[in-house]
Amino acid sequence: MAKELPRYLELAEWIREQIRLGKLQPGQKLYSENKLSAMFGLSRQTVRHAISVLEQERTIRRVQGSGTYIMKSCAADLAGRSHIVVVMTYLDGYIFPRTIKAIEDAFFKGGYSVQIAFTNNLVDKERTILEDILEKDEAAGMLVEATKSALPNPNLHFYRELLERRIPVLFINSYYQTLPLPHVSINDVQAGRMAAEYLIGKGHKKITGIFKLDDGQGRLRYTGFAQALYEAGLYCDEAKILWVDTEDVRDFSKLREKILERLEGCSALVSYNDEVAFELMKLLAGEKVRIPQDLSVVSVDDSDLAVLGNVKLTSIPYPMELLGERAAQNLLEMIRDPGFDGNYEFDLHIVERDSVRELTE
């Protein structure tokens, strides 16, 4: 061991060398602190310092009551890998192309090539993609948009395997709350709260919402929505809330009766996003429900759809390019520094247009 290093770093480097030589195997139990102290004539405090360094870089893992173990695939040289995998739900004309372009540009500037895969928001497709990534074992890092993130997911063990292999994983837009992995997104609770507070400020008291039940953003936006109503002393009638899934959004006509029933008696609505609002407003136009005279609408994303219809939507912008750029930069930093905290949530504002009517007493 190099004498110029502090003794705890000498010990840490010796353990790394044993792993590189195959004398310590992934999953194998490391020597105890007492054993290492005796082997190298070190104090237990010095040994603990070395163990802490290795644990922070995910070379080893301490299991309470059991011991310390070599992490799986810890000998892999991630620094020599030159491409990053990006897993998104869709590629369509909504908001994703601009976000993906920002991601690609940032990774290319960072010296990495990019492999992009799409799940179409299908769990089976997500599983196939993750199995392929683990089998090839070539990625320097992964940027992932979670699939149906509000629902139980049978693929989480693949992400835990990536974590054990020390491959940095960062979620974008949505994430799995049960995984200890960072995410970059908008502040979805704030989005729901801001939309509801805007309607309340315009004098609306009978406010409902339409949210996606299979994506985590929908539940978070509902949380902010419900909090705003409660804090304003308004009744959140849960029987009026519309919950839709990915398949419902593709054909709202199947939900016609339910939608009309839920909207009865309401003067305003918070929409999960512009896509949902756009499809809803098309259906309502056929039913002679006028926006905003009969129903005021606030949405999220401020996409091209917000200004495409006859009535321009009041909407909360989704920072498409900025979010993609920040997510890519954070993942690059995670690759360079395994201890870097990649979490980030964007604060929001609202863009006022024509879809909200102000009520007077």
Protein backbone atom coordinates (compact mmCIF):
# COMPACT_ATOMS: atom_id res chain seq x y z
CA MET A 1 0.00 0.00 0.00
CA ALA A 2 1.23 3.50 -0.87
CA LYS A 3 2.77 5.05 2.24
CA GLU A 4 1.93 8.62 1.18
CA LEU A 5 -1.81 7.97 1.65
CA PRO A 6 -3.57 8.28 5.00
CA ARG A 7 -3.84 4.84 6.54
CA TYR A 8 -7.62 4.58 6.15
CA LEU A 9 -7.25 5.29 2.42
CA GLU A 10 -4.48 2.68 2.19
CA LEU A 11 -6.88 0.12 3.64
CA ALA A 12 -9.71 1.21 1.33
CA GLU A 13 -7.43 0.87 -1.71
CA TRP A 14 -6.24 -2.56 -0.56
CA ILE A 15 -9.87 -3.77 -0.39
CA ARG A 16 -10.53 -2.36 -3.89
CA GLU A 17 -7.46 -4.20 -5.15
CA GLN A 18 -8.67 -7.50 -3.67
CA ILE A 19 -11.94 -6.98 -5.55
CA ARG A 20 -10.16 -6.21 -8.83
CA LEU A 21 -8.06 -9.35 -8.43
CA GLY A 22 -11.14 -11.45 -7.72
CA LYS A 23 -10.02 -12.39 -4.23
CA LEU A 24 -13.12 -10.70 -2.86
CA GLN A 25 -16.23 -11.58 -4.88
CA PRO A 26 -19.56 -9.72 -5.26
CA GLY A 27 -21.88 -10.81 -2.45
CA GLN A 28 -18.99 -12.11 -0.32
CA LYS A 29 -18.77 -11.02 3.30
CA LEU A 30 -15.89 -8.65 4.05
CA TYR A 31 -13.50 -9.31 6.93
CA SER A 32 -14.75 -8.00 10.26
CA GLU A 33 -13.43 -4.77 11.74
CA ASN A 34 -11.51 -6.75 14.36
CA LYS A 35 -9.93 -8.95 11.66
CA LEU A 36 -8.88 -5.95 9.55
CA SER A 37 -7.51 -4.18 12.63
CA ALA A 38 -5.38 -7.22 13.45
CA MET A 39 -4.25 -7.78 9.85
CA PHE A 40 -2.91 -4.24 9.36
CA GLY A 41 -2.23 -3.07 12.92
CA LEU A 42 -4.84 -0.33 12.66
CA SER A 43 -7.22 1.10 15.21
CA ARG A 44 -10.88 0.20 14.83
CA GLN A 45 -11.62 3.89 14.24
CA THR A 46 -9.27 3.90 11.23
CA VAL A 47 -10.90 0.72 9.89
CA ARG A 48 -14.36 2.23 10.30
CA HIS A 49 -13.22 5.31 8.38
CA ALA A 50 -12.07 3.12 5.48
CA ILE A 51 -15.32 1.14 5.56
CA SER A 52 -17.31 4.39 5.48
CA VAL A 53 -15.44 5.57 2.37
CA LEU A 54 -16.15 2.30 0.56
CA GLU A 55 -19.77 2.34 1.63
CA GLN A 56 -20.31 5.87 0.31
CA GLU A 57 -18.95 4.89 -3.10
CA ARG A 58 -21.15 1.74 -3.03
CA THR A 59 -18.26 -0.69 -3.17
CA ILE A 60 -19.59 -2.41 -0.04
CA ARG A 61 -22.85 -2.56 1.86
CA ARG A 62 -23.37 -2.88 5.61
CA VAL A 63 -26.25 -5.09 6.75
CA GLN A 64 -27.27 -4.50 10.35
CA GLY A 65 -26.79 -7.58 12.49
CA SER A 66 -25.13 -9.50 9.66
CA GLY A 67 -21.93 -7.82 8.51
CA THR A 68 -20.43 -5.97 5.55
CA TYR A 69 -20.70 -7.34 2.00
CA ILE A 70 -19.10 -6.66 -1.37
CA MET A 71 -21.63 -5.06 -3.71
CA LYS A 72 -22.63 -6.91 -6.88
CA SER A 73 -20.68 -5.98 -10.02
CA CYS A 74 -18.64 -3.49 -8.04
CA ALA A 75 -15.59 -4.36 -10.16
CA ALA A 76 -17.24 -2.96 -13.31
CA ASP A 77 -15.36 0.00 -14.76
CA LEU A 78 -18.25 2.43 -15.31
CA ALA A 79 -15.80 5.21 -16.11
CA GLY A 80 -14.95 3.46 -19.39
CA ARG A 81 -18.55 3.42 -20.60
CA SER A 82 -19.51 5.94 -23.25
CA HIS A 83 -23.29 5.88 -23.57
CA ILE A 84 -26.33 6.71 -21.49
CA VAL A 85 -29.75 5.07 -21.78
CA VAL A 86 -32.83 7.31 -21.78
CA VAL A 87 -36.17 5.55 -21.14
CA MET A 88 -39.27 7.66 -21.81
CA THR A 89 -42.97 6.80 -22.02
CA TYR A 90 -43.82 8.36 -25.39
CA LEU A 91 -42.46 10.07 -28.47
CA ASP A 92 -45.26 12.25 -29.79
CA GLY A 93 -46.04 15.83 -30.71
CA TYR A 94 -47.09 16.90 -27.22
CA ILE A 95 -44.19 17.99 -24.98
CA PHE A 96 -41.70 15.15 -25.18
CA PRO A 97 -39.71 15.99 -28.36
CA ARG A 98 -38.44 19.30 -26.97
CA THR A 99 -37.53 17.69 -23.63
CA ILE A 100 -35.73 14.79 -25.35
CA LYS A 101 -33.78 17.13 -27.62
CA ALA A 102 -32.54 19.08 -24.58
CA ILE A 103 -31.51 15.79 -22.94
CA GLU A 104 -29.63 14.60 -26.03
CA ASP A 105 -27.82 17.92 -26.45
CA ALA A 106 -26.65 17.95 -22.83
CA PHE A 107 -25.37 14.36 -22.95
CA PHE A 108 -23.57 14.91 -26.25
CA LYS A 109 -21.86 17.98 -24.81
CA GLY A 110 -20.87 15.82 -21.83
CA GLY A 111 -19.15 13.35 -24.16
CA TYR A 112 -21.77 10.58 -24.13
CA SER A 113 -23.79 8.95 -26.87
CA VAL A 114 -27.49 8.39 -26.17
CA GLN A 115 -29.70 5.32 -26.55
CA ILE A 116 -33.42 6.15 -26.32
CA ALA A 117 -36.17 3.61 -25.62
CA PHE A 118 -39.92 4.12 -25.23
CA THR A 119 -42.25 2.13 -22.98
CA ASN A 120 -45.53 3.56 -24.35
CA ASN A 121 -46.44 3.66 -20.65
CA LEU A 122 -46.67 -0.16 -20.65
CA VAL A 123 -45.18 -2.17 -17.79
CA ASP A 124 -44.37 -5.16 -20.03
CA LYS A 125 -42.43 -2.93 -22.42
CA GLU A 126 -40.56 -1.39 -19.49
CA ARG A 127 -39.57 -4.87 -18.30
CA THR A 128 -38.21 -5.85 -21.73
CA ILE A 129 -36.12 -2.67 -21.91
CA LEU A 130 -34.69 -3.13 -18.41
CA GLU A 131 -33.85 -6.80 -19.03
CA ASP A 132 -31.95 -5.81 -22.16
CA ILE A 133 -30.03 -3.06 -20.35
CA LEU A 134 -29.02 -5.39 -17.53
CA GLU A 135 -28.03 -8.16 -19.91
CA LYS A 136 -25.79 -5.91 -22.02
CA ASP A 137 -24.41 -4.14 -18.91
CA GLU A 138 -22.88 -1.30 -20.93
CA ALA A 139 -24.64 1.85 -19.72
CA ALA A 140 -22.78 4.56 -17.82
CA GLY A 141 -26.11 5.80 -16.43
CA MET A 142 -29.86 5.83 -16.98
CA LEU A 143 -32.42 8.63 -17.22
CA VAL A 144 -35.91 7.17 -16.79
CA GLU A 145 -39.50 8.33 -16.93
CA ALA A 146 -41.44 5.94 -14.71
CA THR A 147 -44.21 3.83 -16.25
CA LYS A 148 -47.68 4.18 -14.66
CA SER A 149 -45.87 5.40 -11.57
CA ALA A 150 -48.96 5.55 -9.34
CA LEU A 151 -49.63 1.82 -9.65
CA PRO A 152 -47.84 -1.19 -8.14
CA ASN A 153 -44.99 -2.11 -10.46
CA PRO A 154 -43.48 -5.61 -10.83
CA ASN A 155 -40.28 -4.22 -12.37
CA LEU A 156 -38.81 -2.48 -9.34
CA HIS A 157 -36.34 -5.29 -8.66
CA PHE A 158 -34.61 -4.42 -11.96
CA TYR A 159 -33.96 -0.91 -10.67
CA ARG A 160 -32.64 -2.33 -7.40
CA GLU A 161 -30.27 -4.49 -9.45
CA LEU A 162 -29.04 -1.38 -11.28
CA LEU A 163 -28.54 0.28 -7.90
CA GLU A 164 -26.49 -2.69 -6.68
CA ARG A 165 -24.35 -2.50 -9.82
CA ARG A 166 -23.69 1.15 -8.97
CA ILE A 167 -25.15 2.36 -12.27
CA PRO A 168 -26.54 5.87 -11.65
CA VAL A 169 -30.30 6.10 -12.28
CA LEU A 170 -32.23 9.38 -12.30
CA PHE A 171 -35.99 9.68 -12.86
CA ILE A 172 -37.54 12.49 -14.88
CA ASN A 173 -41.14 13.78 -14.65
CA SER A 174 -42.42 10.88 -12.56
CA TYR A 175 -40.78 8.40 -10.22
CA TYR A 176 -41.44 5.36 -8.02
CA GLN A 177 -41.82 6.58 -4.46
CA THR A 178 -40.68 3.26 -2.96
CA LEU A 179 -37.26 3.41 -4.68
CA PRO A 180 -34.38 5.36 -3.08
CA LEU A 181 -33.52 7.06 -6.38
CA PRO A 182 -33.49 10.80 -7.22
CA HIS A 183 -35.82 12.61 -9.62
CA VAL A 184 -36.06 15.85 -11.58
CA SER A 185 -39.59 17.12 -12.16
CA ILE A 186 -41.91 20.04 -11.72
CA ASN A 187 -43.41 20.48 -8.27
CA ASP A 188 -46.64 18.61 -9.00
CA VAL A 189 -48.25 19.34 -5.64
CA GLN A 190 -47.62 23.03 -6.24
CA ALA A 191 -49.16 22.72 -9.72
CA GLY A 192 -52.45 21.35 -8.35
CA ARG A 193 -52.50 23.91 -5.56
CA MET A 194 -51.73 26.84 -7.86
CA ALA A 195 -54.47 25.90 -10.34
CA ALA A 196 -57.08 25.57 -7.59
CA GLU A 197 -56.01 28.79 -5.86
CA TYR A 198 -56.29 30.67 -9.15
CA LEU A 199 -59.91 29.54 -9.58
CA ILE A 200 -60.70 30.34 -5.95
CA GLY A 201 -59.25 33.81 -6.49
CA LYS A 202 -61.66 34.26 -9.41
CA GLY A 203 -64.61 33.60 -7.10
CA HIS A 204 -65.26 29.93 -7.86
CA LYS A 205 -66.47 27.70 -5.02
CA LYS A 206 -67.84 24.64 -6.81
CA ILE A 207 -64.57 23.33 -8.22
CA THR A 208 -63.88 19.83 -9.46
CA GLY A 209 -60.86 18.21 -11.10
CA ILE A 210 -59.85 15.57 -13.60
CA PHE A 211 -56.64 13.69 -12.80
CA LYS A 212 -54.77 10.65 -14.09
CA LEU A 213 -54.94 7.74 -11.69
CA ASP A 214 -52.12 5.64 -13.16
CA ASP A 215 -49.40 8.30 -13.17
CA GLY A 216 -47.89 9.62 -9.95
CA GLN A 217 -48.16 13.23 -11.13
CA GLY A 218 -51.95 12.89 -11.11
CA ARG A 219 -52.08 11.95 -7.45
CA LEU A 220 -49.62 14.67 -6.48
CA ARG A 221 -51.57 17.32 -8.39
CA TYR A 222 -54.78 16.13 -6.75
CA THR A 223 -53.06 16.46 -3.36
CA GLY A 224 -52.25 20.13 -4.01
CA PHE A 225 -55.73 20.73 -5.41
CA ALA A 226 -57.43 19.23 -2.34
CA GLN A 227 -55.14 21.13 0.05
CA ALA A 228 -56.01 24.44 -1.59
CA LEU A 229 -59.76 23.81 -1.30
CA TYR A 230 -59.46 22.73 2.32
CA GLU A 231 -57.37 25.76 3.29
CA ALA A 232 -59.90 28.06 1.59
CA GLY A 233 -62.72 26.51 3.62
CA LEU A 234 -64.29 24.94 0.54
CA TYR A 235 -65.75 21.45 0.33
CA CYS A 236 -63.84 19.03 -1.90
CA ASP A 237 -66.62 16.80 -3.20
CA GLU A 238 -64.76 13.58 -3.94
CA ALA A 239 -67.81 12.23 -5.76
CA LYS A 240 -67.28 14.94 -8.37
CA ILE A 241 -63.59 14.18 -9.04
CA LEU A 242 -62.89 12.47 -12.35
CA TRP A 243 -60.09 9.89 -12.37
CA VAL A 244 -58.93 8.68 -15.79
CA ASP A 245 -56.14 6.42 -17.01
CA THR A 246 -53.90 6.48 -20.07
CA GLU A 247 -56.39 4.52 -22.20
CA ASP A 248 -59.32 6.78 -21.22
CA VAL A 249 -57.56 9.89 -22.50
CA ARG A 250 -57.38 8.39 -25.99
CA ASP A 251 -61.17 8.26 -26.26
CA PHE A 252 -63.20 10.46 -23.91
CA SER A 253 -66.44 9.63 -25.73
CA LYS A 254 -66.60 6.39 -23.73
CA LEU A 255 -66.76 8.47 -20.56
CA ARG A 256 -69.40 10.92 -21.81
CA GLU A 257 -72.15 10.14 -19.31
CA LYS A 258 -69.79 10.01 -16.34
CA ILE A 259 -68.13 13.29 -17.30
CA LEU A 260 -71.41 15.15 -17.73
CA GLU A 261 -72.73 13.76 -14.44
CA ARG A 262 -69.60 14.74 -12.49
CA LEU A 263 -69.51 18.27 -13.92
CA GLU A 264 -73.12 19.04 -13.05
CA GLY A 265 -73.30 21.92 -10.57
CA CYS A 266 -69.60 22.82 -10.93
CA SER A 267 -68.44 26.19 -12.22
CA ALA A 268 -64.74 25.33 -12.63
CA LEU A 269 -62.33 22.46 -13.20
CA VAL A 270 -58.62 21.77 -12.75
CA SER A 271 -57.29 19.53 -15.53
CA TYR A 272 -54.37 17.12 -15.12
CA ASN A 273 -52.74 18.57 -18.24
CA ASP A 274 -53.42 20.30 -21.56
CA GLU A 275 -53.94 17.03 -23.42
CA VAL A 276 -56.72 16.01 -21.04
CA ALA A 277 -58.21 19.51 -21.11
CA PHE A 278 -58.15 19.61 -24.92
CA GLU A 279 -60.00 16.28 -25.25
CA LEU A 280 -62.46 17.28 -22.52
CA MET A 281 -63.23 20.60 -24.19
CA LYS A 282 -63.86 18.87 -27.53
CA LEU A 283 -66.40 16.60 -25.86
CA LEU A 284 -68.07 19.49 -24.03
CA ALA A 285 -68.33 21.55 -27.22
CA GLY A 286 -70.50 18.79 -28.67
CA GLU A 287 -72.71 19.00 -25.59
CA LYS A 288 -73.09 22.80 -25.91
CA VAL A 289 -71.15 23.37 -22.66
CA ARG A 290 -69.37 26.70 -23.12
CA ILE A 291 -65.87 27.49 -21.89
CA PRO A 292 -65.60 29.67 -19.79
CA GLN A 293 -69.24 30.82 -19.58
CA ASP A 294 -70.50 27.47 -18.24
CA LEU A 295 -67.25 25.95 -17.02
CA SER A 296 -63.88 27.57 -16.29
CA VAL A 297 -60.78 25.43 -16.88
CA VAL A 298 -57.18 25.67 -15.65
CA SER A 299 -54.61 23.18 -16.90
CA VAL A 300 -50.94 22.21 -16.61
CA ASP A 301 -48.13 22.18 -19.24
CA ASP A 302 -48.82 25.31 -21.34
CA SER A 303 -48.16 23.23 -24.45
CA ASP A 304 -49.13 23.98 -28.05
CA LEU A 305 -52.53 22.43 -27.25
CA ALA A 306 -53.23 25.28 -24.84
CA VAL A 307 -53.59 27.73 -27.74
CA LEU A 308 -54.84 25.35 -30.45
CA GLY A 309 -58.58 25.45 -29.74
CA ASN A 310 -61.14 28.23 -30.09
CA VAL A 311 -60.72 29.02 -26.38
CA LYS A 312 -57.12 29.54 -25.24
CA LEU A 313 -56.30 27.69 -22.03
CA THR A 314 -55.06 29.25 -18.82
CA SER A 315 -52.24 26.86 -18.01
CA ILE A 316 -49.20 26.30 -15.78
CA PRO A 317 -46.05 25.94 -17.93
CA TYR A 318 -43.99 22.78 -17.96
CA PRO A 319 -40.36 23.87 -18.50
CA MET A 320 -39.71 21.46 -21.38
CA GLU A 321 -36.15 22.31 -22.39
CA LEU A 322 -35.01 23.41 -18.92
CA LEU A 323 -36.29 20.24 -17.30
CA GLY A 324 -34.57 18.00 -19.84
CA GLU A 325 -31.32 19.95 -19.55
CA ARG A 326 -31.36 19.90 -15.73
CA ALA A 327 -32.10 16.16 -15.62
CA ALA A 328 -29.22 15.41 -18.00
CA GLN A 329 -26.80 17.66 -16.11
CA ASN A 330 -27.74 16.09 -12.78
CA LEU A 331 -27.20 12.58 -14.12
CA LEU A 332 -23.81 13.57 -15.53
CA GLU A 333 -22.87 14.90 -12.10
CA MET A 334 -24.07 11.64 -10.49
CA ILE A 335 -21.79 9.71 -12.86
CA ARG A 336 -18.84 11.92 -11.90
CA ASP A 337 -19.69 12.00 -8.19
CA PRO A 338 -21.67 9.03 -6.77
CA GLY A 339 -22.49 11.09 -3.67
CA PHE A 340 -24.21 13.87 -5.64
CA ASP A 341 -27.90 14.47 -4.81
CA GLY A 342 -29.68 14.52 -8.17
CA ASN A 343 -33.09 15.64 -6.86
CA TYR A 344 -34.60 18.85 -8.23
CA GLU A 345 -38.16 20.21 -8.53
CA PHE A 346 -39.02 23.30 -10.58
CA ASP A 347 -41.18 26.03 -9.08
CA LEU A 348 -44.08 27.18 -11.24
CA HIS A 349 -46.15 30.13 -12.43
CA ILE A 350 -49.44 30.48 -14.30
CA VAL A 351 -50.17 31.88 -17.78
CA GLU A 352 -53.58 33.55 -17.96
CA ARG A 353 -55.68 33.22 -21.10
CA ASP A 354 -59.39 32.93 -21.91
CA SER A 355 -60.60 29.73 -20.24
CA VAL A 356 -61.54 31.20 -16.84
CA ARG A 357 -64.48 33.45 -16.03
CA GLU A 358 -64.43 35.65 -12.94
CA LEU A 359 -67.50 35.22 -10.77
CA THR A 360 -69.02 38.08 -8.81
CA GLU A 361 -71.25 37.82 -5.79
